[in-house]
Amino acid sequence: MKPPIGSYAVDTSTGQVGRVMGHEGPYVQLRPYGGGREWDCPPEVLREATTHERLRAATTYANRRSRGEVP
């Protein structure tokens, strides 16, 4: 899977939702919802994030932010 830049995908090896930031060599670069350090993910372990998964990631980020865990 080679998802378009700006879309959201799930790294099925970790279950983490990330925004597609680019494609570098054989990898897809993902960034966690709300920002943070990008990670490289092999395209064969990616799938498109569902609306439910994107909303869950946004809610988790908002909750962490309200508790002061992220800037």
PDB file of N, CA and C in Angstrom:
ATOM      1  N   MET A   1       0.851  -1.181   0.000  1.00  0.00           N
ATOM      2  CA  MET A   1       0.000   0.000   0.000  1.00  0.00           C
ATOM      3  C   MET A   1       0.892   1.238   0.000  1.00  0.00           C
ATOM      4  N   LYS A   2       0.602   2.163  -0.901  1.00  0.00           N
ATOM      5  CA  LYS A   2       1.312   3.447  -0.934  1.00  0.00           C
ATOM      6  C   LYS A   2       0.263   4.547  -0.776  1.00  0.00           C
ATOM      7  N   PRO A   3      -0.085   4.860   0.483  1.00  0.00           N
ATOM      8  CA  PRO A   3      -1.143   5.842   0.728  1.00  0.00           C
ATOM      9  C   PRO A   3      -0.709   7.251   0.338  1.00  0.00           C
ATOM     10  N   PRO A   4      -1.663   8.085  -0.042  1.00  0.00           N
ATOM     11  CA  PRO A   4      -1.326   9.461  -0.422  1.00  0.00           C
ATOM     12  C   PRO A   4      -0.862  10.282   0.785  1.00  0.00           C
ATOM     13  N   ILE A   5       0.018  11.225   0.520  1.00  0.00           N
ATOM     14  CA  ILE A   5       0.495  12.131   1.563  1.00  0.00           C
ATOM     15  C   ILE A   5      -0.692  12.905   2.122  1.00  0.00           C
ATOM     16  N   GLY A   6      -0.735  13.008   3.443  1.00  0.00           N
ATOM     17  CA  GLY A   6      -1.820  13.708   4.124  1.00  0.00           C
ATOM     18  C   GLY A   6      -2.925  12.793   4.607  1.00  0.00           C
ATOM     19  N   SER A   7      -2.949  11.555   4.122  1.00  0.00           N
ATOM     20  CA  SER A   7      -3.972  10.618   4.573  1.00  0.00           C
ATOM     21  C   SER A   7      -3.530   9.984   5.892  1.00  0.00           C
ATOM     22  N   TYR A   8      -4.429   9.262   6.519  1.00  0.00           N
ATOM     23  CA  TYR A   8      -4.123   8.584   7.772  1.00  0.00           C
ATOM     24  C   TYR A   8      -4.093   7.090   7.529  1.00  0.00           C
ATOM     25  N   ALA A   9      -3.114   6.443   8.164  1.00  0.00           N
ATOM     26  CA  ALA A   9      -2.946   5.004   7.996  1.00  0.00           C
ATOM     27  C   ALA A   9      -2.648   4.383   9.350  1.00  0.00           C
ATOM     28  N   VAL A  10      -2.864   3.082   9.433  1.00  0.00           N
ATOM     29  CA  VAL A  10      -2.571   2.327  10.646  1.00  0.00           C
ATOM     30  C   VAL A  10      -1.364   1.449  10.374  1.00  0.00           C
ATOM     31  N   ASP A  11      -0.378   1.538  11.241  1.00  0.00           N
ATOM     32  CA  ASP A  11       0.766   0.641  11.227  1.00  0.00           C
ATOM     33  C   ASP A  11       0.294  -0.621  11.948  1.00  0.00           C
ATOM     34  N   THR A  12      -0.017  -1.664  11.208  1.00  0.00           N
ATOM     35  CA  THR A  12      -0.605  -2.860  11.814  1.00  0.00           C
ATOM     36  C   THR A  12       0.378  -3.620  12.696  1.00  0.00           C
ATOM     37  N   SER A  13       1.670  -3.316  12.594  1.00  0.00           N
ATOM     38  CA  SER A  13       2.633  -3.980  13.469  1.00  0.00           C
ATOM     39  C   SER A  13       2.592  -3.409  14.885  1.00  0.00           C
ATOM     40  N   THR A  14       2.093  -2.164  15.030  1.00  0.00           N
ATOM     41  CA  THR A  14       2.009  -1.531  16.352  1.00  0.00           C
ATOM     42  C   THR A  14       0.596  -1.100  16.713  1.00  0.00           C
ATOM     43  N   GLY A  15      -0.279  -0.976  15.719  1.00  0.00           N
ATOM     44  CA  GLY A  15      -1.630  -0.484  15.946  1.00  0.00           C
ATOM     45  C   GLY A  15      -1.719   1.020  16.001  1.00  0.00           C
ATOM     46  N   GLN A  16      -0.621   1.713  15.771  1.00  0.00           N
ATOM     47  CA  GLN A  16      -0.598   3.169  15.876  1.00  0.00           C
ATOM     48  C   GLN A  16      -1.115   3.826  14.598  1.00  0.00           C
ATOM     49  N   VAL A  17      -1.925   4.879  14.788  1.00  0.00           N
ATOM     50  CA  VAL A  17      -2.444   5.666  13.673  1.00  0.00           C
ATOM     51  C   VAL A  17      -1.476   6.806  13.398  1.00  0.00           C
ATOM     52  N   GLY A  18      -1.179   7.024  12.137  1.00  0.00           N
ATOM     53  CA  GLY A  18      -0.276   8.109  11.778  1.00  0.00           C
ATOM     54  C   GLY A  18      -0.712   8.796  10.497  1.00  0.00           C
ATOM     55  N   ARG A  19      -0.268  10.026  10.351  1.00  0.00           N
ATOM     56  CA  ARG A  19      -0.518  10.780   9.121  1.00  0.00           C
ATOM     57  C   ARG A  19       0.646  10.550   8.175  1.00  0.00           C
ATOM     58  N   VAL A  20       0.339  10.265   6.938  1.00  0.00           N
ATOM     59  CA  VAL A  20       1.377  10.008   5.941  1.00  0.00           C
ATOM     60  C   VAL A  20       2.056  11.325   5.597  1.00  0.00           C
ATOM     61  N   MET A  21       3.390  11.360   5.840  1.00  0.00           N
ATOM     62  CA  MET A  21       4.172  12.569   5.609  1.00  0.00           C
ATOM     63  C   MET A  21       5.016  12.470   4.348  1.00  0.00           C
ATOM     64  N   GLY A  22       5.287  11.260   3.904  1.00  0.00           N
ATOM     65  CA  GLY A  22       6.109  11.101   2.720  1.00  0.00           C
ATOM     66  C   GLY A  22       6.431   9.655   2.447  1.00  0.00           C
ATOM     67  N   HIS A  23       7.174   9.463   1.377  1.00  0.00           N
ATOM     68  CA  HIS A  23       7.627   8.139   0.971  1.00  0.00           C
ATOM     69  C   HIS A  23       9.130   8.244   0.770  1.00  0.00           C
ATOM     70  N   GLU A  24       9.877   7.453   1.509  1.00  0.00           N
ATOM     71  CA  GLU A  24      11.335   7.500   1.442  1.00  0.00           C
ATOM     72  C   GLU A  24      11.864   6.097   1.190  1.00  0.00           C
ATOM     73  N   GLY A  25      12.407   5.904   0.012  1.00  0.00           N
ATOM     74  CA  GLY A  25      12.872   4.567  -0.351  1.00  0.00           C
ATOM     75  C   GLY A  25      11.695   3.604  -0.317  1.00  0.00           C
ATOM     76  N   PRO A  26      11.879   2.458   0.330  1.00  0.00           N
ATOM     77  CA  PRO A  26      10.782   1.490   0.377  1.00  0.00           C
ATOM     78  C   PRO A  26       9.769   1.772   1.491  1.00  0.00           C
ATOM     79  N   TYR A  27       9.989   2.820   2.283  1.00  0.00           N
ATOM     80  CA  TYR A  27       9.166   3.071   3.464  1.00  0.00           C
ATOM     81  C   TYR A  27       8.173   4.214   3.280  1.00  0.00           C
ATOM     82  N   VAL A  28       7.138   4.165   4.099  1.00  0.00           N
ATOM     83  CA  VAL A  28       6.174   5.258   4.216  1.00  0.00           C
ATOM     84  C   VAL A  28       6.471   5.936   5.543  1.00  0.00           C
ATOM     85  N   GLN A  29       6.583   7.250   5.535  1.00  0.00           N
ATOM     86  CA  GLN A  29       6.862   7.988   6.757  1.00  0.00           C
ATOM     87  C   GLN A  29       5.552   8.454   7.378  1.00  0.00           C
ATOM     88  N   LEU A  30       5.359   8.078   8.634  1.00  0.00           N
ATOM     89  CA  LEU A  30       4.150   8.428   9.375  1.00  0.00           C
ATOM     90  C   LEU A  30       4.505   9.315  10.549  1.00  0.00           C
ATOM     91  N   ARG A  31       3.582  10.194  10.903  1.00  0.00           N
ATOM     92  CA  ARG A  31       3.730  11.049  12.080  1.00  0.00           C
ATOM     93  C   ARG A  31       2.506  10.829  12.955  1.00  0.00           C
ATOM     94  N   PRO A  32       2.678  10.699  14.277  1.00  0.00           N
ATOM     95  CA  PRO A  32       1.538  10.493  15.163  1.00  0.00           C
ATOM     96  C   PRO A  32       0.526  11.630  15.068  1.00  0.00           C
ATOM     97  N   TYR A  33      -0.726  11.331  15.355  1.00  0.00           N
ATOM     98  CA  TYR A  33      -1.769  12.351  15.358  1.00  0.00           C
ATOM     99  C   TYR A  33      -1.369  13.429  16.363  1.00  0.00           C
ATOM    100  N   GLY A  34      -1.430  14.681  15.969  1.00  0.00           N
ATOM    101  CA  GLY A  34      -1.083  15.798  16.843  1.00  0.00           C
ATOM    102  C   GLY A  34       0.381  16.184  16.776  1.00  0.00           C
ATOM    103  N   GLY A  35       1.168  15.453  16.006  1.00  0.00           N
ATOM    104  CA  GLY A  35       2.583  15.774  15.857  1.00  0.00           C
ATOM    105  C   GLY A  35       3.476  14.812  16.614  1.00  0.00           C
ATOM    106  N   GLY A  36       4.743  15.035  16.477  1.00  0.00           N
ATOM    107  CA  GLY A  36       5.716  14.167  17.130  1.00  0.00           C
ATOM    108  C   GLY A  36       6.699  13.616  16.124  1.00  0.00           C
ATOM    109  N   ARG A  37       7.492  12.698  16.582  1.00  0.00           N
ATOM    110  CA  ARG A  37       8.551  12.123  15.765  1.00  0.00           C
ATOM    111  C   ARG A  37       7.984  11.159  14.733  1.00  0.00           C
ATOM    112  N   GLU A  38       8.409  11.343  13.504  1.00  0.00           N
ATOM    113  CA  GLU A  38       7.978  10.447  12.424  1.00  0.00           C
ATOM    114  C   GLU A  38       8.658   9.093  12.571  1.00  0.00           C
ATOM    115  N   TRP A  39       8.014   8.086  12.018  1.00  0.00           N
ATOM    116  CA  TRP A  39       8.638   6.778  11.951  1.00  0.00           C
ATOM    117  C   TRP A  39       8.438   6.201  10.560  1.00  0.00           C
ATOM    118  N   ASP A  40       9.382   5.356  10.179  1.00  0.00           N
ATOM    119  CA  ASP A  40       9.327   4.688   8.883  1.00  0.00           C
ATOM    120  C   ASP A  40       8.584   3.375   9.038  1.00  0.00           C
ATOM    121  N   CYS A  41       7.715   3.120   8.091  1.00  0.00           N
ATOM    122  CA  CYS A  41       6.883   1.929   8.157  1.00  0.00           C
ATOM    123  C   CYS A  41       6.909   1.215   6.800  1.00  0.00           C
ATOM    124  N   PRO A  42       7.140  -0.084   6.811  1.00  0.00           N
ATOM    125  CA  PRO A  42       7.072  -0.823   5.548  1.00  0.00           C
ATOM    126  C   PRO A  42       5.638  -0.786   5.014  1.00  0.00           C
ATOM    127  N   PRO A  43       5.450  -0.548   3.744  1.00  0.00           N
ATOM    128  CA  PRO A  43       4.096  -0.412   3.200  1.00  0.00           C
ATOM    129  C   PRO A  43       3.244  -1.674   3.337  1.00  0.00           C
ATOM    130  N   GLU A  44       3.877  -2.832   3.451  1.00  0.00           N
ATOM    131  CA  GLU A  44       3.082  -4.069   3.545  1.00  0.00           C
ATOM    132  C   GLU A  44       2.379  -4.235   4.887  1.00  0.00           C
ATOM    133  N   VAL A  45       2.740  -3.438   5.896  1.00  0.00           N
ATOM    134  CA  VAL A  45       2.047  -3.524   7.187  1.00  0.00           C
ATOM    135  C   VAL A  45       1.089  -2.350   7.407  1.00  0.00           C
ATOM    136  N   LEU A  46       0.838  -1.561   6.357  1.00  0.00           N
ATOM    137  CA  LEU A  46      -0.075  -0.415   6.454  1.00  0.00           C
ATOM    138  C   LEU A  46      -1.455  -0.749   5.920  1.00  0.00           C
ATOM    139  N   ARG A  47      -2.421  -0.076   6.495  1.00  0.00           N
ATOM    140  CA  ARG A  47      -3.767  -0.071   5.923  1.00  0.00           C
ATOM    141  C   ARG A  47      -4.374   1.286   6.216  1.00  0.00           C
ATOM    142  N   GLU A  48      -5.377   1.641   5.445  1.00  0.00           N
ATOM    143  CA  GLU A  48      -6.053   2.926   5.627  1.00  0.00           C
ATOM    144  C   GLU A  48      -6.747   2.954   6.989  1.00  0.00           C
ATOM    145  N   ALA A  49      -6.632   4.074   7.690  1.00  0.00           N
ATOM    146  CA  ALA A  49      -7.303   4.237   8.978  1.00  0.00           C
ATOM    147  C   ALA A  49      -8.792   4.488   8.750  1.00  0.00           C
ATOM    148  N   THR A  50      -9.609   3.871   9.576  1.00  0.00           N
ATOM    149  CA  THR A  50     -11.052   4.100   9.499  1.00  0.00           C
ATOM    150  C   THR A  50     -11.383   5.427  10.175  1.00  0.00           C
ATOM    151  N   THR A  51     -12.581   5.914   9.934  1.00  0.00           N
ATOM    152  CA  THR A  51     -13.034   7.145  10.597  1.00  0.00           C
ATOM    153  C   THR A  51     -12.994   6.961  12.107  1.00  0.00           C
ATOM    154  N   HIS A  52     -13.417   5.817  12.582  1.00  0.00           N
ATOM    155  CA  HIS A  52     -13.404   5.522  14.017  1.00  0.00           C
ATOM    156  C   HIS A  52     -11.983   5.601  14.578  1.00  0.00           C
ATOM    157  N   GLU A  53     -11.014   5.042  13.873  1.00  0.00           N
ATOM    158  CA  GLU A  53      -9.629   5.064  14.337  1.00  0.00           C
ATOM    159  C   GLU A  53      -9.061   6.476  14.350  1.00  0.00           C
ATOM    160  N   ARG A  54      -9.396   7.277  13.335  1.00  0.00           N
ATOM    161  CA  ARG A  54      -8.929   8.668  13.317  1.00  0.00           C
ATOM    162  C   ARG A  54      -9.537   9.460  14.473  1.00  0.00           C
ATOM    163  N   LEU A  55     -10.820   9.261  14.736  1.00  0.00           N
ATOM    164  CA  LEU A  55     -11.472   9.962  15.845  1.00  0.00           C
ATOM    165  C   LEU A  55     -10.904   9.525  17.192  1.00  0.00           C
ATOM    166  N   ARG A  56     -10.618   8.238  17.341  1.00  0.00           N
ATOM    167  CA  ARG A  56     -10.037   7.741  18.584  1.00  0.00           C
ATOM    168  C   ARG A  56      -8.656   8.357  18.807  1.00  0.00           C
ATOM    169  N   ALA A  57      -7.843   8.457  17.742  1.00  0.00           N
ATOM    170  CA  ALA A  57      -6.521   9.067  17.857  1.00  0.00           C
ATOM    171  C   ALA A  57      -6.644  10.548  18.230  1.00  0.00           C
ATOM    172  N   ALA A  58      -7.597  11.249  17.639  1.00  0.00           N
ATOM    173  CA  ALA A  58      -7.810  12.667  17.946  1.00  0.00           C
ATOM    174  C   ALA A  58      -8.261  12.847  19.385  1.00  0.00           C
ATOM    175  N   THR A  59      -9.141  11.989  19.854  1.00  0.00           N
ATOM    176  CA  THR A  59      -9.633  12.069  21.234  1.00  0.00           C
ATOM    177  C   THR A  59      -8.520  11.779  22.228  1.00  0.00           C
ATOM    178  N   THR A  60      -7.718  10.767  21.944  1.00  0.00           N
ATOM    179  CA  THR A  60      -6.590  10.439  22.812  1.00  0.00           C
ATOM    180  C   THR A  60      -5.629  11.610  22.907  1.00  0.00           C
ATOM    181  N   TYR A  61      -5.329  12.230  21.776  1.00  0.00           N
ATOM    182  CA  TYR A  61      -4.440  13.388  21.761  1.00  0.00           C
ATOM    183  C   TYR A  61      -5.047  14.542  22.565  1.00  0.00           C
ATOM    184  N   ALA A  62      -6.326  14.829  22.353  1.00  0.00           N
ATOM    185  CA  ALA A  62      -6.989  15.933  23.071  1.00  0.00           C
ATOM    186  C   ALA A  62      -6.982  15.680  24.581  1.00  0.00           C
ATOM    187  N   ASN A  63      -7.215  14.455  24.988  1.00  0.00           N
ATOM    188  CA  ASN A  63      -7.202  14.125  26.417  1.00  0.00           C
ATOM    189  C   ASN A  63      -5.800  14.296  27.006  1.00  0.00           C
ATOM    190  N   ARG A  64      -4.782  13.830  26.298  1.00  0.00           N
ATOM    191  CA  ARG A  64      -3.405  13.986  26.762  1.00  0.00           C
ATOM    192  C   ARG A  64      -3.032  15.456  26.846  1.00  0.00           C
ATOM    193  N   ARG A  65      -3.473  16.224  25.879  1.00  0.00           N
ATOM    194  CA  ARG A  65      -3.168  17.659  25.862  1.00  0.00           C
ATOM    195  C   ARG A  65      -3.842  18.362  27.029  1.00  0.00           C
ATOM    196  N   SER A  66      -5.075  18.014  27.338  1.00  0.00           N
ATOM    197  CA  SER A  66      -5.788  18.667  28.440  1.00  0.00           C
ATOM    198  C   SER A  66      -5.182  18.329  29.796  1.00  0.00           C
ATOM    199  N   ARG A  67      -4.498  17.177  29.875  1.00  0.00           N
ATOM    200  CA  ARG A  67      -3.822  16.800  31.123  1.00  0.00           C
ATOM    201  C   ARG A  67      -2.402  17.333  31.194  1.00  0.00           C
ATOM    202  N   GLY A  68      -1.971  18.069  30.148  1.00  0.00           N
ATOM    203  CA  GLY A  68      -0.643  18.665  30.136  1.00  0.00           C
ATOM    204  C   GLY A  68       0.468  17.694  29.767  1.00  0.00           C
ATOM    205  N   GLU A  69       0.095  16.559  29.192  1.00  0.00           N
ATOM    206  CA  GLU A  69       1.106  15.554  28.842  1.00  0.00           C
ATOM    207  C   GLU A  69       1.816  15.879  27.532  1.00  0.00           C
ATOM    208  N   VAL A  70       1.204  16.712  26.698  1.00  0.00           N
ATOM    209  CA  VAL A  70       1.829  17.139  25.449  1.00  0.00           C
ATOM    210  C   VAL A  70       1.663  18.647  25.326  1.00  0.00           C
ATOM    211  N   PRO A  71       2.618  19.322  24.693  1.00  0.00           N
ATOM    212  CA  PRO A  71       2.509  20.783  24.567  1.00  0.00           C
ATOM    213  C   PRO A  71       1.420  21.206  23.607  1.00  0.00           C
TER     214      PRO A  71
END
